[in-house]
N, C-alpha and C. Protein backbone atom coordinates (compact mmCIF):
# COMPACT_ATOMS: atom_id res chain seq x y z
N MET A 1 -2.80 9.56 -1.65
CA MET A 1 -3.21 8.58 -0.51
C MET A 1 -1.71 7.48 -0.72
N LYS A 2 -1.68 7.20 -2.27
CA LYS A 2 -0.39 6.19 -2.11
C LYS A 2 0.74 6.56 -1.27
N HIS A 3 0.94 7.81 -1.33
CA HIS A 3 2.20 8.66 -0.87
C HIS A 3 2.06 8.04 0.71
N LEU A 4 0.58 7.78 1.29
CA LEU A 4 0.51 7.68 2.87
C LEU A 4 0.71 6.46 3.01
N PHE A 5 0.36 5.39 2.11
CA PHE A 5 0.34 3.97 2.26
C PHE A 5 2.07 3.88 2.04
N THR A 6 2.69 4.24 1.13
CA THR A 6 4.21 4.18 1.23
C THR A 6 4.76 4.46 2.17
N MET A 7 4.65 5.36 3.01
CA MET A 7 5.29 6.03 4.14
C MET A 7 4.93 5.24 5.08
N THR A 8 3.52 4.57 5.44
CA THR A 8 3.26 4.08 6.64
C THR A 8 4.37 2.61 6.62
N PHE A 9 3.99 2.28 5.16
CA PHE A 9 4.80 1.12 5.00
C PHE A 9 6.38 1.14 5.21
N ALA A 10 6.70 2.14 4.78
CA ALA A 10 8.01 2.18 5.35
C ALA A 10 8.58 2.40 6.64
N VAL A 11 7.49 3.13 7.37
CA VAL A 11 7.73 3.30 8.90
C VAL A 11 7.30 1.64 9.40
N LEU A 12 6.51 1.26 9.32
CA LEU A 12 6.50 -0.33 9.75
C LEU A 12 7.62 -1.37 9.62
N MET A 13 8.35 -1.09 8.55
CA MET A 13 9.59 -1.82 7.93
C MET A 13 10.50 -1.49 9.07
N PHE A 14 10.63 -0.25 9.20
CA PHE A 14 11.66 0.21 9.88
C PHE A 14 11.55 0.00 11.59
N ILE A 15 10.15 0.08 11.70
CA ILE A 15 9.83 -0.51 13.08
C ILE A 15 10.02 -2.02 13.42
N GLY A 16 9.56 -2.55 12.58
CA GLY A 16 10.07 -3.94 12.43
C GLY A 16 10.98 -4.64 12.56
N THR A 17 12.45 -4.01 12.45
CA THR A 17 13.64 -4.22 12.28
C THR A 17 14.33 -5.02 13.60
N LEU A 18 13.43 -4.92 14.80
CA LEU A 18 13.72 -5.97 15.92
C LEU A 18 13.46 -7.43 15.50
N ASP A 19 14.18 -7.89 15.70
CA ASP A 19 14.21 -9.53 15.36
C ASP A 19 13.52 -10.36 16.61
N ALA A 20 12.50 -11.19 16.29
CA ALA A 20 12.11 -11.71 17.20
C ALA A 20 12.78 -12.60 18.51
N GLN A 21 13.88 -12.81 17.87
CA GLN A 21 14.68 -14.00 18.70
C GLN A 21 15.56 -12.96 19.32
N ASP A 22 15.61 -11.84 19.08
CA ASP A 22 16.27 -10.75 19.90
C ASP A 22 15.32 -10.35 21.19
N MET A 23 14.24 -10.49 21.04
CA MET A 23 13.49 -9.90 21.76
C MET A 23 13.58 -10.55 23.13
N PRO A 24 13.41 -9.97 24.31
CA PRO A 24 13.66 -10.65 25.75
C PRO A 24 12.06 -11.59 26.14
N LYS A 25 12.20 -12.46 26.90
CA LYS A 25 10.97 -12.93 27.27
C LYS A 25 10.69 -12.62 28.47
N GLY A 26 9.32 -12.70 28.60
CA GLY A 26 8.66 -12.27 29.79
C GLY A 26 8.25 -10.64 29.95
N PHE A 27 8.09 -10.46 31.16
CA PHE A 27 7.51 -8.70 31.17
C PHE A 27 7.98 -8.13 30.30
N ARG A 28 9.42 -8.13 29.82
CA ARG A 28 10.16 -7.16 28.92
C ARG A 28 9.77 -7.10 27.48
N GLY A 29 9.65 -8.62 27.26
CA GLY A 29 9.06 -8.87 26.09
C GLY A 29 8.15 -8.50 25.62
N ASP A 30 6.71 -8.93 26.89
CA ASP A 30 5.47 -8.11 26.63
C ASP A 30 5.26 -6.81 26.30
N PHE A 31 5.96 -6.03 27.25
CA PHE A 31 6.06 -4.88 26.97
C PHE A 31 6.56 -4.33 25.71
N LEU A 32 7.54 -4.89 24.82
CA LEU A 32 8.25 -4.50 24.05
C LEU A 32 7.09 -4.50 22.87
N ALA A 33 6.72 -6.00 22.97
CA ALA A 33 5.51 -6.29 22.02
C ALA A 33 4.69 -5.40 21.80
N GLN A 34 3.72 -4.77 23.02
CA GLN A 34 2.83 -3.91 23.12
C GLN A 34 3.40 -2.73 22.74
N MET A 35 4.53 -2.30 23.00
CA MET A 35 5.07 -0.91 22.66
C MET A 35 5.17 -0.85 21.13
N LYS A 36 5.43 -2.14 20.46
CA LYS A 36 5.66 -1.79 18.94
C LYS A 36 4.25 -1.72 18.35
N ASP A 37 3.65 -2.22 19.11
CA ASP A 37 2.12 -2.06 18.27
C ASP A 37 1.54 -0.68 18.63
N VAL A 38 1.65 -0.27 19.82
CA VAL A 38 1.35 1.34 20.13
C VAL A 38 2.23 2.28 19.38
N GLU A 39 3.70 1.91 19.07
CA GLU A 39 4.17 2.87 18.31
C GLU A 39 4.12 2.92 16.92
N GLU A 40 3.81 1.66 16.07
CA GLU A 40 3.26 1.67 14.82
C GLU A 40 2.00 2.46 14.39
N LYS A 41 0.82 2.46 15.48
CA LYS A 41 -0.34 3.33 15.59
C LYS A 41 -0.01 4.65 15.70
N ILE A 42 0.66 5.29 16.40
CA ILE A 42 0.98 6.36 16.68
C ILE A 42 1.71 6.99 15.60
N ILE A 43 3.04 6.67 15.35
CA ILE A 43 3.84 7.03 13.92
C ILE A 43 2.61 7.00 12.48
N GLY A 44 1.79 6.07 12.61
CA GLY A 44 0.85 6.04 11.28
C GLY A 44 -0.18 7.28 11.67
N LEU A 45 -0.39 7.45 12.77
CA LEU A 45 -1.40 8.61 13.10
C LEU A 45 -0.78 10.08 12.94
N ALA A 46 0.39 9.92 13.04
CA ALA A 46 1.17 11.09 12.93
C ALA A 46 1.56 11.45 11.26
N GLU A 47 1.36 10.32 10.75
CA GLU A 47 1.73 10.36 9.20
C GLU A 47 0.22 10.88 8.54
N ALA A 48 -0.60 10.31 9.11
CA ALA A 48 -2.15 10.09 8.41
C ALA A 48 -2.34 11.82 8.69
N MET A 49 -2.55 12.44 9.93
CA MET A 49 -2.47 13.82 10.28
C MET A 49 -2.19 14.74 9.36
N PRO A 50 -3.00 15.60 8.50
CA PRO A 50 -2.14 16.64 7.56
C PRO A 50 -1.51 17.71 8.57
N GLN A 51 -0.37 18.29 7.95
CA GLN A 51 0.44 19.64 8.95
C GLN A 51 -0.58 20.75 9.53
N GLU A 52 -1.63 21.07 8.30
CA GLU A 52 -2.39 21.93 8.86
C GLU A 52 -3.18 21.55 10.02
N LYS A 53 -3.37 20.18 10.75
CA LYS A 53 -4.20 19.66 11.62
C LYS A 53 -3.55 19.60 12.87
N TYR A 54 -2.05 19.81 12.90
CA TYR A 54 -1.41 19.77 13.94
C TYR A 54 -1.58 20.74 15.34
N THR A 55 -2.04 22.04 14.78
CA THR A 55 -2.13 22.91 15.89
C THR A 55 -3.64 22.64 16.13
N TRP A 56 -4.67 21.76 15.75
CA TRP A 56 -5.82 21.80 16.03
C TRP A 56 -6.34 21.33 17.29
N ARG A 57 -7.20 21.68 17.86
CA ARG A 57 -7.42 20.83 19.23
C ARG A 57 -8.99 20.94 19.54
N PRO A 58 -9.64 20.41 20.20
CA PRO A 58 -10.77 20.20 20.36
C PRO A 58 -11.46 20.92 20.82
N MET A 59 -10.68 21.86 22.09
CA MET A 59 -11.35 22.92 22.67
C MET A 59 -10.43 23.75 23.01
N GLU A 60 -10.38 25.07 23.74
CA GLU A 60 -9.32 25.60 24.22
C GLU A 60 -9.17 24.87 25.99
N GLY A 61 -7.78 24.78 26.28
CA GLY A 61 -7.24 24.49 27.36
C GLY A 61 -6.84 22.84 27.22
N VAL A 62 -7.19 22.22 26.27
CA VAL A 62 -6.55 20.84 26.20
C VAL A 62 -5.55 20.93 24.93
N ARG A 63 -4.93 19.80 24.68
CA ARG A 63 -3.71 19.74 24.04
C ARG A 63 -4.21 19.81 22.57
N SER A 64 -3.20 20.28 21.70
CA SER A 64 -3.42 20.04 20.35
C SER A 64 -2.89 18.86 19.74
N VAL A 65 -3.18 18.78 18.42
CA VAL A 65 -2.69 17.09 17.90
C VAL A 65 -1.02 17.17 17.93
N SER A 66 -0.32 18.40 17.62
CA SER A 66 0.91 18.13 17.97
C SER A 66 1.53 17.87 19.25
N GLU A 67 0.55 18.85 20.10
CA GLU A 67 1.13 18.46 21.93
C GLU A 67 1.03 17.14 22.26
N VAL A 68 0.03 16.40 21.52
CA VAL A 68 -0.59 14.97 22.08
C VAL A 68 0.71 14.14 21.81
N PHE A 69 1.04 14.30 20.31
CA PHE A 69 2.40 13.34 20.01
C PHE A 69 3.57 13.92 20.46
N MET A 70 3.87 14.97 21.07
CA MET A 70 5.06 15.35 21.63
C MET A 70 4.65 15.08 23.47
N HIS A 71 3.70 14.92 23.84
CA HIS A 71 3.51 14.70 25.27
C HIS A 71 3.78 12.89 25.09
N ILE A 72 3.59 12.52 24.48
CA ILE A 72 3.83 11.13 24.38
C ILE A 72 5.40 10.75 24.14
N ALA A 73 5.96 11.53 23.25
CA ALA A 73 7.55 11.40 23.27
C ALA A 73 8.14 11.84 24.78
N GLY A 74 7.72 13.14 25.32
CA GLY A 74 8.26 13.14 26.58
C GLY A 74 8.10 12.05 27.63
N GLY A 75 6.62 11.50 27.58
CA GLY A 75 6.49 10.43 28.58
C GLY A 75 7.92 9.43 28.13
N ASN A 76 7.99 9.21 26.94
CA ASN A 76 9.00 8.36 26.31
C ASN A 76 10.52 8.27 26.82
N TYR A 77 10.76 9.72 27.16
CA TYR A 77 11.78 9.96 27.78
C TYR A 77 11.77 10.06 29.41
N LEU A 78 10.58 10.22 29.94
CA LEU A 78 10.58 10.48 31.39
C LEU A 78 10.56 9.26 32.12
N PHE A 79 9.54 8.29 31.38
CA PHE A 79 9.58 6.90 32.26
C PHE A 79 11.13 6.32 32.50
N PRO A 80 12.06 6.19 31.38
CA PRO A 80 13.31 5.22 31.68
C PRO A 80 14.15 6.11 32.68
N LYS A 81 13.81 7.20 33.07
CA LYS A 81 14.39 8.14 34.23
C LYS A 81 14.02 6.97 35.43
N PHE A 82 12.95 6.78 35.35
CA PHE A 82 12.90 5.94 37.04
C PHE A 82 13.61 4.62 36.90
N ILE A 83 14.04 4.23 35.98
CA ILE A 83 14.75 2.95 35.74
C ILE A 83 16.15 3.10 35.68
N GLY A 84 16.65 4.55 35.60
CA GLY A 84 17.95 4.55 35.63
C GLY A 84 18.53 5.24 34.27
N VAL A 85 17.75 5.43 33.35
CA VAL A 85 18.00 6.03 32.06
C VAL A 85 17.81 7.21 31.89
N LYS A 86 19.17 8.20 31.75
CA LYS A 86 18.97 9.44 31.65
C LYS A 86 18.41 9.66 30.19
N ALA A 87 17.45 11.09 29.98
CA ALA A 87 17.19 11.18 28.34
C ALA A 87 18.44 11.86 27.97
N PRO A 88 18.48 11.72 26.72
CA PRO A 88 19.35 12.72 25.68
C PRO A 88 19.80 13.99 26.27
N GLU A 89 20.94 14.29 26.04
CA GLU A 89 21.37 15.73 26.37
C GLU A 89 20.86 16.77 25.50
N GLY A 90 20.50 17.93 25.80
CA GLY A 90 19.87 18.89 24.87
C GLY A 90 18.58 18.70 24.77
N LEU A 91 17.84 17.77 25.02
CA LEU A 91 16.33 17.68 25.33
C LEU A 91 15.60 18.77 25.60
N SER A 92 14.83 19.46 24.82
CA SER A 92 14.05 20.62 25.25
C SER A 92 12.88 20.06 25.93
N GLN A 93 13.03 20.98 27.29
CA GLN A 93 11.61 20.82 28.12
C GLN A 93 10.39 21.33 27.84
N ASP A 94 10.34 21.96 27.06
CA ASP A 94 8.82 22.74 26.73
C ASP A 94 8.57 22.06 25.13
N MET A 95 9.27 21.21 24.61
CA MET A 95 9.00 20.43 23.24
C MET A 95 7.28 20.22 23.16
N GLU A 96 6.73 20.00 23.96
CA GLU A 96 5.15 19.96 23.73
C GLU A 96 4.59 21.06 23.32
N LYS A 97 5.29 22.08 23.65
CA LYS A 97 4.38 23.10 23.47
C LYS A 97 5.25 24.32 22.08
N THR A 98 6.29 23.66 21.83
CA THR A 98 6.96 24.53 20.59
C THR A 98 7.43 23.73 19.29
N VAL A 99 7.03 22.45 19.46
CA VAL A 99 7.34 21.55 18.13
C VAL A 99 6.08 21.40 17.56
N THR A 100 5.61 21.84 16.34
CA THR A 100 4.67 22.05 15.80
C THR A 100 4.55 21.16 14.22
N ASP A 101 5.92 21.34 13.80
CA ASP A 101 6.22 20.84 12.55
C ASP A 101 5.99 19.28 12.26
N LYS A 102 5.33 19.00 11.47
CA LYS A 102 4.69 17.30 11.55
C LYS A 102 6.16 16.69 11.09
N ALA A 103 7.05 16.77 10.59
CA ALA A 103 8.55 16.59 10.22
C ALA A 103 9.11 16.26 11.38
N LYS A 104 9.09 16.89 12.03
CA LYS A 104 9.71 17.18 13.61
C LYS A 104 9.22 16.22 14.41
N VAL A 105 8.15 16.30 14.52
CA VAL A 105 7.17 15.72 15.47
C VAL A 105 7.38 14.22 15.55
N LYS A 106 7.29 14.07 13.97
CA LYS A 106 7.68 12.23 13.76
C LYS A 106 9.06 11.85 13.88
N GLU A 107 10.20 12.80 13.64
CA GLU A 107 11.28 12.47 13.99
C GLU A 107 11.41 12.08 15.76
N VAL A 108 10.68 13.54 16.22
CA VAL A 108 11.09 13.12 17.86
C VAL A 108 10.21 12.15 18.57
N LEU A 109 9.17 11.78 18.13
CA LEU A 109 8.53 10.67 18.18
C LEU A 109 9.35 9.15 18.20
N LYS A 110 9.87 9.13 16.81
CA LYS A 110 10.42 7.67 16.41
C LYS A 110 11.75 7.84 17.46
N LEU A 111 12.24 9.03 17.68
CA LEU A 111 13.71 8.67 18.47
C LEU A 111 13.41 8.47 20.07
N SER A 112 12.24 8.78 20.36
CA SER A 112 11.74 8.92 21.66
C SER A 112 11.30 7.21 22.08
N PHE A 113 10.86 6.59 20.72
CA PHE A 113 10.25 5.09 20.87
C PHE A 113 11.73 4.28 20.98
N GLU A 114 12.74 4.87 20.04
CA GLU A 114 14.24 4.33 20.11
C GLU A 114 14.71 4.15 21.87
N HIS A 115 14.51 5.48 22.09
CA HIS A 115 15.08 5.94 23.65
C HIS A 115 14.54 4.62 24.68
N ILE A 116 12.99 4.46 24.85
CA ILE A 116 12.54 3.69 25.60
C ILE A 116 12.79 2.00 25.34
N ARG A 117 12.84 1.58 24.15
CA ARG A 117 13.20 0.54 23.56
C ARG A 117 14.43 0.11 24.13
N LYS A 118 15.33 1.12 23.82
CA LYS A 118 16.76 0.63 24.28
C LYS A 118 16.92 0.57 25.78
N ALA A 119 16.34 1.39 26.29
CA ALA A 119 16.32 0.94 28.08
C ALA A 119 15.91 -0.27 28.43
N VAL A 120 14.72 -0.58 27.67
CA VAL A 120 13.93 -1.95 28.39
C VAL A 120 14.69 -2.99 27.97
N MET A 121 15.35 -2.84 26.75
CA MET A 121 16.25 -3.86 26.27
C MET A 121 17.56 -4.13 27.07
N GLU A 122 18.08 -3.22 27.37
CA GLU A 122 19.20 -3.30 28.21
C GLU A 122 19.14 -3.68 29.81
N MET A 123 17.91 -3.38 30.58
CA MET A 123 17.73 -3.68 31.50
C MET A 123 18.01 -5.22 31.99
N LYS A 124 18.08 -5.62 33.11
CA LYS A 124 17.85 -7.34 33.43
C LYS A 124 16.32 -7.76 33.75
N ASP A 125 16.16 -8.79 33.83
CA ASP A 125 14.61 -9.38 34.32
C ASP A 125 15.11 -9.37 35.73
N ASN A 126 16.06 -9.16 36.70
CA ASN A 126 16.19 -9.46 38.00
C ASN A 126 15.89 -7.65 38.55
N ASP A 127 16.18 -6.86 37.38
CA ASP A 127 15.73 -5.44 37.85
C ASP A 127 14.46 -5.16 38.52
N LEU A 128 13.59 -5.87 37.70
CA LEU A 128 11.98 -5.21 37.54
C LEU A 128 11.65 -5.03 39.03
N GLU A 129 12.29 -5.89 40.06
CA GLU A 129 11.66 -5.45 41.29
C GLU A 129 12.48 -4.40 41.99
N ASN A 130 13.48 -3.83 41.23
CA ASN A 130 14.19 -3.09 42.23
C ASN A 130 13.24 -1.90 42.59
N PRO A 131 13.19 -1.12 43.83
CA PRO A 131 12.36 -0.34 44.31
C PRO A 131 12.77 1.19 43.57
N VAL A 132 11.63 1.94 43.31
CA VAL A 132 12.17 3.28 42.80
C VAL A 132 10.80 4.29 43.59
N LYS A 133 11.18 5.55 43.56
CA LYS A 133 10.04 6.32 43.87
C LYS A 133 9.37 7.08 42.58
N MET A 134 8.31 6.87 42.28
CA MET A 134 7.92 7.70 41.27
C MET A 134 6.53 8.52 41.14
N PHE A 135 6.22 9.24 41.09
CA PHE A 135 5.37 10.79 41.46
C PHE A 135 4.92 10.65 42.85
N GLY A 136 6.24 10.42 43.50
CA GLY A 136 5.54 10.47 44.82
C GLY A 136 5.55 9.20 45.72
N LYS A 137 5.39 7.96 45.18
CA LYS A 137 5.07 6.98 45.91
C LYS A 137 6.10 5.78 45.72
N GLU A 138 6.43 4.88 46.41
CA GLU A 138 7.23 3.64 46.24
C GLU A 138 6.77 2.94 45.29
N THR A 139 7.49 2.50 44.24
CA THR A 139 6.84 1.47 43.74
C THR A 139 8.23 0.64 42.96
N THR A 140 7.93 0.13 42.19
CA THR A 140 9.24 -1.05 41.21
C THR A 140 9.67 -0.25 39.62
N PHE A 141 10.71 -0.75 39.46
CA PHE A 141 10.80 -1.01 37.79
C PHE A 141 9.67 -1.31 36.93
N ARG A 142 9.38 -2.33 37.16
CA ARG A 142 8.21 -3.23 36.60
C ARG A 142 7.06 -2.16 36.47
N ASP A 143 6.52 -1.55 37.71
CA ASP A 143 5.27 -0.50 37.63
C ASP A 143 5.83 0.90 36.71
N ALA A 144 7.20 1.14 36.82
CA ALA A 144 7.39 1.83 36.13
C ALA A 144 7.28 2.18 34.40
N ILE A 145 7.54 1.04 34.00
CA ILE A 145 7.43 0.37 32.86
C ILE A 145 5.87 0.23 32.26
N PHE A 146 5.09 -0.65 33.04
CA PHE A 146 3.91 -1.00 33.20
C PHE A 146 3.44 0.61 33.01
N THR A 147 3.62 1.58 33.70
CA THR A 147 2.90 2.85 33.30
C THR A 147 3.20 3.76 32.33
N ALA A 148 4.63 3.41 31.92
CA ALA A 148 4.96 3.93 30.49
C ALA A 148 3.82 3.46 29.36
N ALA A 149 3.88 2.28 29.09
CA ALA A 149 2.77 1.16 28.27
C ALA A 149 1.22 2.18 28.74
N THR A 150 0.91 2.29 29.67
CA THR A 150 -0.59 2.95 29.88
C THR A 150 -0.42 4.02 29.10
N HIS A 151 0.32 5.09 29.28
CA HIS A 151 0.50 6.35 29.17
C HIS A 151 0.56 6.31 27.49
N MET A 152 1.40 5.44 26.91
CA MET A 152 1.31 5.28 25.40
C MET A 152 0.03 5.25 24.79
N HIS A 153 -1.02 4.19 25.80
CA HIS A 153 -2.06 3.76 25.20
C HIS A 153 -3.16 4.78 25.39
N GLU A 154 -2.86 5.30 26.69
CA GLU A 154 -3.96 6.25 26.86
C GLU A 154 -4.08 7.52 25.61
N HIS A 155 -3.04 7.95 25.29
CA HIS A 155 -2.91 9.00 24.46
C HIS A 155 -3.13 8.71 23.12
N LEU A 156 -2.45 7.54 22.83
CA LEU A 156 -3.26 6.70 21.42
C LEU A 156 -4.60 6.92 21.32
N GLY A 157 -5.30 6.35 22.25
CA GLY A 157 -6.58 6.59 22.21
C GLY A 157 -6.97 8.32 22.13
N GLN A 158 -6.46 9.14 22.73
CA GLN A 158 -6.62 10.45 22.37
C GLN A 158 -6.22 11.01 20.90
N ALA A 159 -5.18 10.11 20.38
CA ALA A 159 -4.88 10.51 18.92
C ALA A 159 -5.94 10.14 18.16
N ILE A 160 -6.52 8.94 18.23
CA ILE A 160 -7.56 8.62 17.53
C ILE A 160 -8.79 9.21 17.54
N ALA A 161 -9.01 9.41 18.80
CA ALA A 161 -10.09 10.67 18.65
C ALA A 161 -10.05 12.13 18.19
N TYR A 162 -8.84 12.51 18.08
CA TYR A 162 -8.90 13.54 17.44
C TYR A 162 -8.60 13.46 16.04
N ALA A 163 -8.09 12.27 15.21
CA ALA A 163 -7.97 12.14 13.73
C ALA A 163 -9.51 11.94 13.77
N ARG A 164 -10.27 11.04 14.40
CA ARG A 164 -11.54 11.06 13.62
C ARG A 164 -12.69 11.81 13.84
N MET A 165 -12.03 13.28 14.86
CA MET A 165 -12.55 14.46 14.65
C MET A 165 -12.43 15.26 13.72
N ASN A 166 -11.53 14.67 12.91
CA ASN A 166 -10.96 15.45 11.74
C ASN A 166 -10.78 14.86 10.66
N ALA A 167 -12.16 13.71 10.47
CA ALA A 167 -12.45 12.76 9.46
C ALA A 167 -11.31 11.80 9.01
N ILE A 168 -10.34 11.88 9.53
CA ILE A 168 -9.15 10.96 9.28
C ILE A 168 -9.24 9.65 9.95
N VAL A 169 -9.34 8.27 9.04
CA VAL A 169 -9.39 7.12 9.31
C VAL A 169 -7.81 6.71 10.11
N PRO A 170 -7.84 6.43 10.99
CA PRO A 170 -6.51 5.36 11.44
C PRO A 170 -6.21 4.57 10.30
N PRO A 171 -5.11 4.96 9.79
CA PRO A 171 -4.78 3.81 8.94
C PRO A 171 -4.65 2.21 8.72
N TRP A 172 -4.35 1.79 10.29
CA TRP A 172 -4.70 0.21 10.09
C TRP A 172 -5.94 -0.20 9.84
N THR A 173 -7.19 1.07 10.31
CA THR A 173 -8.40 0.67 10.20
C THR A 173 -8.56 1.01 8.57
N ALA A 174 -8.24 1.86 7.88
CA ALA A 174 -8.43 1.96 6.57
C ALA A 174 -7.46 0.83 5.63
N ALA A 175 -6.63 0.31 6.20
CA ALA A 175 -6.05 -0.87 5.27
C ALA A 175 -6.98 -1.96 5.91
N GLU A 176 -7.55 -2.21 6.94
CA GLU A 176 -8.49 -3.40 7.20
C GLU A 176 -9.93 -3.31 6.20
N GLN A 177 -10.32 -2.06 6.10
CA GLN A 177 -11.64 -1.44 5.35
C GLN A 177 -11.02 -1.82 3.84
N ALA A 178 -10.15 -1.56 3.52
CA ALA A 178 -9.43 -1.74 2.22
C ALA A 178 -9.38 -3.09 1.75
N GLU A 179 -8.69 -4.03 2.61
CA GLU A 179 -9.04 -5.74 2.55
C GLU A 179 -10.02 -6.31 2.19
N GLN A 180 -11.32 -5.62 3.14
CA GLN A 180 -12.40 -6.12 3.44
C GLN A 180 -13.23 -5.70 2.05
N ALA A 181 -13.24 -4.77 1.44
CA ALA A 181 -13.58 -4.09 0.36
C ALA A 181 -13.39 -5.36 -0.87
N LYS A 182 -11.80 -5.59 -0.99
CA LYS A 182 -11.32 -6.34 -1.89
C LYS A 182 -11.99 -7.75 -2.06
N LYS A 183 -12.47 -8.39 -0.86
CA LYS A 183 -12.86 -9.56 -0.53
C LYS A 183 -14.60 -9.48 -0.88
N LYS A 184 -15.10 -8.46 -1.20
CA LYS A 184 -16.53 -8.24 -1.65
C LYS A 184 -16.54 -8.20 -3.40
């Protein structure tokens, strides 16, 4: 348990390297703040989930734990394409099905969050209304980014449910419960 808290703290410190002064204002800043929160939670859950649960799935025909995490990473590489930012060369198209090692999943997740963060940081506010075709519909860069945030949160909820089904308390809840226990 001590190792879990140490690793979670290290991840949170790593994620927290974005200085508030460097954050854009407006919609992009709001997105990045939301993404930072969801990133911390997803990485925390990936750390809390034991390796032997990474291939667990609640039933046949739905994603396993590792597939959920890799699906999130895939989305983090997909959505920037709609704002003109290509995914890195050599990215496996079948990583959702083939990457099940906990350490590799966490590495890919972290890199995917860095990728989408950089894409949003480098775009300009006046680009938000640029038109783009996404999943067969005409929309804007703003909607592509908004959809990325929705995707992250949707699958965070799925990962929380998977953790709870395996008697794993999300790290932020465990920390809150520990804090409450100290006060009693």
